[in-house]
N, C-alpha and C. Protein backbone atom coordinates (compact mmCIF):
# COMPACT_ATOMS: atom_id res chain seq x y z
N MET A 1 105.43 92.63 80.47
CA MET A 1 104.36 91.73 80.80
C MET A 1 103.09 92.55 80.94
N ASN A 2 102.05 92.17 80.25
CA ASN A 2 100.78 92.85 80.36
C ASN A 2 100.10 92.47 81.66
N ASP A 3 99.22 93.36 82.15
CA ASP A 3 98.50 93.07 83.38
C ASP A 3 97.70 91.78 83.25
N GLU A 4 97.17 91.52 82.05
CA GLU A 4 96.35 90.33 81.84
C GLU A 4 97.19 89.06 81.94
N ASN A 5 98.49 89.16 81.62
CA ASN A 5 99.35 87.99 81.60
C ASN A 5 100.10 87.77 82.91
N ARG A 6 99.85 88.61 83.91
CA ARG A 6 100.60 88.54 85.15
C ARG A 6 100.31 87.29 85.94
N GLY A 7 99.14 86.75 85.83
CA GLY A 7 98.77 85.59 86.63
C GLY A 7 98.24 86.01 87.98
N ASP A 8 97.83 85.04 88.76
CA ASP A 8 97.27 85.32 90.08
C ASP A 8 98.41 85.51 91.07
N LEU A 9 98.53 86.70 91.64
CA LEU A 9 99.61 86.99 92.57
C LEU A 9 99.09 87.16 93.99
N THR A 10 97.93 86.58 94.27
CA THR A 10 97.40 86.69 95.62
C THR A 10 98.14 85.73 96.53
N HIS A 11 98.18 86.07 97.79
CA HIS A 11 98.88 85.25 98.77
C HIS A 11 97.89 84.83 99.83
N SER A 12 97.99 83.58 100.26
CA SER A 12 97.10 83.11 101.32
C SER A 12 97.87 83.11 102.64
N ASN A 13 97.18 83.40 103.71
CA ASN A 13 97.79 83.40 105.03
C ASN A 13 97.48 82.10 105.72
N PRO A 14 98.50 81.42 106.29
CA PRO A 14 98.21 80.19 107.02
C PRO A 14 97.45 80.51 108.30
N SER A 15 96.68 79.55 108.77
CA SER A 15 95.94 79.78 110.01
C SER A 15 96.91 79.80 111.18
N ASP A 16 96.48 80.36 112.30
CA ASP A 16 97.35 80.48 113.47
C ASP A 16 97.83 79.12 113.96
N SER A 17 97.03 78.10 113.77
CA SER A 17 97.41 76.78 114.26
C SER A 17 98.51 76.14 113.42
N GLU A 18 98.69 76.60 112.17
CA GLU A 18 99.70 76.01 111.30
C GLU A 18 101.11 76.47 111.64
N SER A 19 101.28 77.73 112.04
CA SER A 19 102.62 78.25 112.26
C SER A 19 102.59 79.35 113.31
N ALA A 20 103.57 79.29 114.21
CA ALA A 20 103.69 80.33 115.23
C ALA A 20 104.67 81.41 114.79
N ALA A 21 105.41 81.19 113.67
CA ALA A 21 106.38 82.16 113.17
C ALA A 21 105.65 83.36 112.57
N PRO A 22 106.24 84.56 112.67
CA PRO A 22 105.61 85.74 112.06
C PRO A 22 105.57 85.60 110.54
N ALA A 23 104.55 86.16 109.94
CA ALA A 23 104.40 86.09 108.48
C ALA A 23 105.49 86.90 107.81
N ALA A 24 106.00 86.38 106.70
CA ALA A 24 107.01 87.10 105.93
C ALA A 24 106.37 88.33 105.30
N LYS A 25 107.12 89.41 105.22
CA LYS A 25 106.60 90.62 104.60
C LYS A 25 106.56 90.41 103.09
N LEU A 26 105.38 90.56 102.51
CA LEU A 26 105.19 90.34 101.09
C LEU A 26 105.54 91.60 100.31
N PRO A 27 106.09 91.46 99.09
CA PRO A 27 106.41 92.64 98.29
C PRO A 27 105.14 93.34 97.82
N LYS A 28 105.23 94.65 97.67
CA LYS A 28 104.10 95.41 97.14
C LYS A 28 104.18 95.34 95.62
N ILE A 29 103.12 94.86 94.98
CA ILE A 29 103.09 94.70 93.53
C ILE A 29 102.15 95.77 92.96
N ILE A 30 102.71 96.64 92.10
CA ILE A 30 101.95 97.72 91.51
C ILE A 30 102.06 97.59 89.99
N PRO A 31 100.95 97.41 89.29
CA PRO A 31 101.01 97.35 87.83
C PRO A 31 101.52 98.67 87.25
N PHE A 32 102.32 98.60 86.19
CA PHE A 32 102.84 99.82 85.57
C PHE A 32 101.71 100.72 85.12
N SER A 33 100.62 100.15 84.66
CA SER A 33 99.48 100.96 84.20
C SER A 33 98.90 101.81 85.34
N THR A 34 99.08 101.38 86.58
CA THR A 34 98.65 102.18 87.73
C THR A 34 99.60 103.35 87.95
N LEU A 35 100.89 103.13 87.73
CA LEU A 35 101.87 104.19 87.91
C LEU A 35 101.78 105.24 86.79
N ALA A 36 101.53 104.80 85.58
CA ALA A 36 101.51 105.70 84.43
C ALA A 36 100.20 105.53 83.66
N PRO A 37 99.07 105.97 84.23
CA PRO A 37 97.78 105.73 83.58
C PRO A 37 97.59 106.50 82.27
N CYS A 38 98.37 107.54 82.04
CA CYS A 38 98.17 108.38 80.85
C CYS A 38 99.30 108.25 79.84
N GLY A 39 100.15 107.27 79.98
CA GLY A 39 101.25 107.16 79.03
C GLY A 39 102.16 106.00 79.34
N ASP A 40 103.35 106.09 78.76
CA ASP A 40 104.32 105.01 78.88
C ASP A 40 105.56 105.40 79.65
N GLU A 41 105.50 106.51 80.41
CA GLU A 41 106.67 106.87 81.21
C GLU A 41 106.26 107.63 82.46
N ILE A 42 107.14 107.50 83.47
CA ILE A 42 106.99 108.28 84.69
C ILE A 42 108.38 108.76 85.09
N TRP A 43 108.41 109.83 85.88
CA TRP A 43 109.65 110.34 86.43
C TRP A 43 109.63 110.07 87.91
N ILE A 44 110.74 109.56 88.43
CA ILE A 44 110.84 109.18 89.84
C ILE A 44 111.97 110.00 90.47
N GLU A 45 111.69 110.63 91.60
CA GLU A 45 112.72 111.36 92.34
C GLU A 45 113.13 110.50 93.52
N ASN A 46 114.45 110.31 93.68
CA ASN A 46 114.98 109.53 94.79
C ASN A 46 116.26 110.21 95.28
N ASN A 47 116.26 110.65 96.52
CA ASN A 47 117.43 111.32 97.11
C ASN A 47 117.95 112.46 96.24
N GLY A 48 117.05 113.26 95.69
CA GLY A 48 117.45 114.41 94.89
C GLY A 48 117.82 114.09 93.45
N GLN A 49 117.78 112.83 93.07
CA GLN A 49 118.11 112.42 91.71
C GLN A 49 116.82 112.10 90.95
N LEU A 50 116.76 112.45 89.67
CA LEU A 50 115.60 112.14 88.84
C LEU A 50 115.90 110.94 87.96
N TYR A 51 114.94 110.03 87.89
CA TYR A 51 115.04 108.83 87.06
C TYR A 51 113.80 108.77 86.17
N ARG A 52 113.98 108.28 84.96
CA ARG A 52 112.87 108.10 84.01
C ARG A 52 112.63 106.60 83.85
N LEU A 53 111.41 106.19 84.10
CA LEU A 53 111.01 104.79 83.90
C LEU A 53 110.02 104.78 82.75
N ARG A 54 110.38 104.08 81.69
CA ARG A 54 109.47 104.05 80.53
C ARG A 54 109.26 102.62 80.05
N ARG A 55 108.10 102.42 79.42
CA ARG A 55 107.75 101.13 78.84
C ARG A 55 107.98 101.22 77.34
N THR A 56 108.70 100.25 76.79
CA THR A 56 108.99 100.24 75.36
C THR A 56 107.78 99.69 74.60
N SER A 57 107.85 99.79 73.29
CA SER A 57 106.77 99.26 72.45
C SER A 57 106.68 97.74 72.55
N GLN A 58 107.75 97.10 73.03
CA GLN A 58 107.75 95.65 73.22
C GLN A 58 107.33 95.25 74.64
N GLY A 59 106.97 96.26 75.48
CA GLY A 59 106.48 95.98 76.82
C GLY A 59 107.55 95.85 77.88
N LYS A 60 108.81 96.14 77.53
CA LYS A 60 109.90 96.07 78.51
C LYS A 60 110.02 97.42 79.21
N LEU A 61 110.60 97.40 80.41
CA LEU A 61 110.81 98.64 81.17
C LEU A 61 112.27 99.04 81.13
N ILE A 62 112.51 100.35 80.96
CA ILE A 62 113.86 100.89 80.95
C ILE A 62 113.91 102.02 81.97
N LEU A 63 114.87 101.93 82.89
CA LEU A 63 115.08 102.95 83.91
C LEU A 63 116.39 103.67 83.57
N THR A 64 116.29 104.99 83.36
CA THR A 64 117.49 105.78 83.05
C THR A 64 117.61 106.94 84.02
N LYS A 65 118.84 107.37 84.23
CA LYS A 65 119.11 108.48 85.14
C LYS A 65 119.18 109.76 84.36
């Protein structure tokens, strides 16, 4: 999915008078172009393991160990 095609992902907060329940924790959304500004892949280290996240020519993401 291209950044332009993502749509509006903004969230509105209800006013205090609408709900006394705590707000749900929203997911952090990071465009792939922010993670890999100079190419189509990044390397991610997690618990001592290396993973490769790359974007294909069709715009899909592939995560490999």
